[in-house]
Amino acid sequence: MATATENLWVARQRPLITAWIKKQFPWFDAIQQHLLNISNVVPQRFILCFFGFLAIVNAYTMRHCLDIALAHIVTPKRKQIRLRNLDTVKLSSFNLYERMEQHRNGTLLSFSNRRHGKDDTYDWSDQLQTFILISFYVGYVLSHMPSAQLAMRYGGKWVLAIGLTITALLTMLTPAVVKWGGPLALIAIRLLIGFSEGPTYPALSELLSKWVPGKERATLGSLVLSGSQIGISMGNFIAGLLLHRYDWSLIFYYFGICTLLWCIGFAYMCYNTPEENPFIKVREKQYLQKEIGLVERFQHKTTKTPWREIFRNLPMWALISATIQYDWTQLQHAAEVPQFIRDAKQQPLIENVINGLQNQMPYIMNWLLSVLSGVISDLLVNYEIFSVTVMRKLMAFVAAVAPNLYDSLLPCLSCSETSNLFAFCHCAINVLGSYYAGIKLTPLDMSPNFAATLMGIANGIGSISGIVAPFIKHSFAGWAQFKIVHAFLWLISTLLISGDIQPFDQLIPLTSDSNKIE
């Protein structure tokens, strides 16, 4: 009864909203007609995957824009960098231990918003900058599980759209918060930005489980979920161009407006299930119903989540471990970019563009290889050359070996071999693309019914790396031992992940005591 009432309310409100939009924006009819023409040619599942890809791109541009802008917000300080020993390199938020040592030795943590000179730069301590950077991940981790449950109960569309809309608005408010609220207000708004961006992956997993058939899962799933690489690349490149001519605040306005435009298109073109989509052709709907099954909206309102079975599942813990290892590695590579962008600001525009493209090529190649690995995976699985589990393990193993090999060879390079250093770094980032066809897809493989929950658990726990990483001491011996443990856990995780449907993937009806976690 509740489902019918909700569907009736939505059906009544849609014409009223459309009529109001047409009255306020006369050009809406022309855009609507163009969108209808596109939907008649392109399958609806491809349209949803395209908007899902853009969702992650926008999420990552907004996530990392402060990391880039912070170098221009804060008064620059001289830092000594030695390439031979990576442990002495100051990388973004990865040196909190040293900063805490400075604090204990008498360097006080100041929360003042004191400006430096006549320009809009602020004299913030290194410790304070670190707390600003990690505040995003605190909110990001906290919202994963609640948003996963909301996506399962009400569909992923509006959970994703509302989350990114709030993120965009808060991102556009960030410059004003920096200028008028100070560092404490900035920490608060970054925490809220992380909280509102947290639903992105769980909501997308819920949508993909309803729209992407198993035969196309690796290709379309890798295309969507690897949007983070394009987001990092575009964010760094566009931010570098904007910072060459304009104030740092323009970065936040630009990426926020782009996300709001995405939200409008996504809300109009995408739907929770094929059954809800009015633009889908009968042939495509029948194909999806045959491959995925008839999707009943709000079906999770009458079922309970098998928490006990999920947390007792060994492949689930392997997924969590592998996600932690990957997030750690990605944070290491992403932390190196803001320094390059700050140095490039002093170069001519044409050199800035060329250097920007060169610096972002590893991320672009990473994305291309992730899509290619997805295509190869689907071909080998569909032709029954490998099983889904074997294919996922193979791709996960490739993603695990490359960065660990890079970390092993790095101490052997001298300062005169910087070209080899960057070549190894680029190769390591490139090969990481197979992670998406190996590990990131396994929530959809293991449990299509609870894909959002599995993604919320794995990605949420994995994101703790962004909080914990700064507290690890960068002493040579300690860091070397940590890398060995990191490599061992990643390789073991690749052997234990599974691409098979797990026993807990059953929709169990709710009982009177269903609110208890089992």
Foldseek 3Di string as FASTA:
>chain_A
DVVVVVVVVVVVVVVVVVVVVCVVDVCVVVVVVVLLVVLLPDFLLVVLLVLLLVLLLLLLLLLCLCLQCLCVQADDDDADDFQLANLRHDFQLQALQVVVVVCVVPDPQDQDQDADPPDNHGHGDPNLSNLLSLLLLQLLLVQQQVLLLVCLQFNLQVLSLVLLLVLLVLLLCLVVCSVPVTSVSSSVSSSSSSNSSNNSLLRVLQQCLQRPFPLQLQQSQLLNVLSSLVSLLVSLLVQLLCLLPHRSSVSSNVSSVVSVVSSVVSVVSDDRHPVPGPSHDPVSNVVSCVRNNDDDHSLLVFFFAQQVVLVVDQLLVLLLLLLLLLLLVVSRLSRVRSVVSVVLSPPDSVVSNVVSCVSSVLSVLLSVVLSVLSVVLSVCCVVPVDPLFVSLLVLLQQLLPLVLVLVVCSSVDHPVVVVVNVVSVSVNSNSNSSNSSRRVSQLSQAASSSSSNSCSVRNSSSSCCSVCSNNQRSDPVSVVVVSVVSSVSSNVSSVSHGRHHHPSNDGHGADPPSVDHD
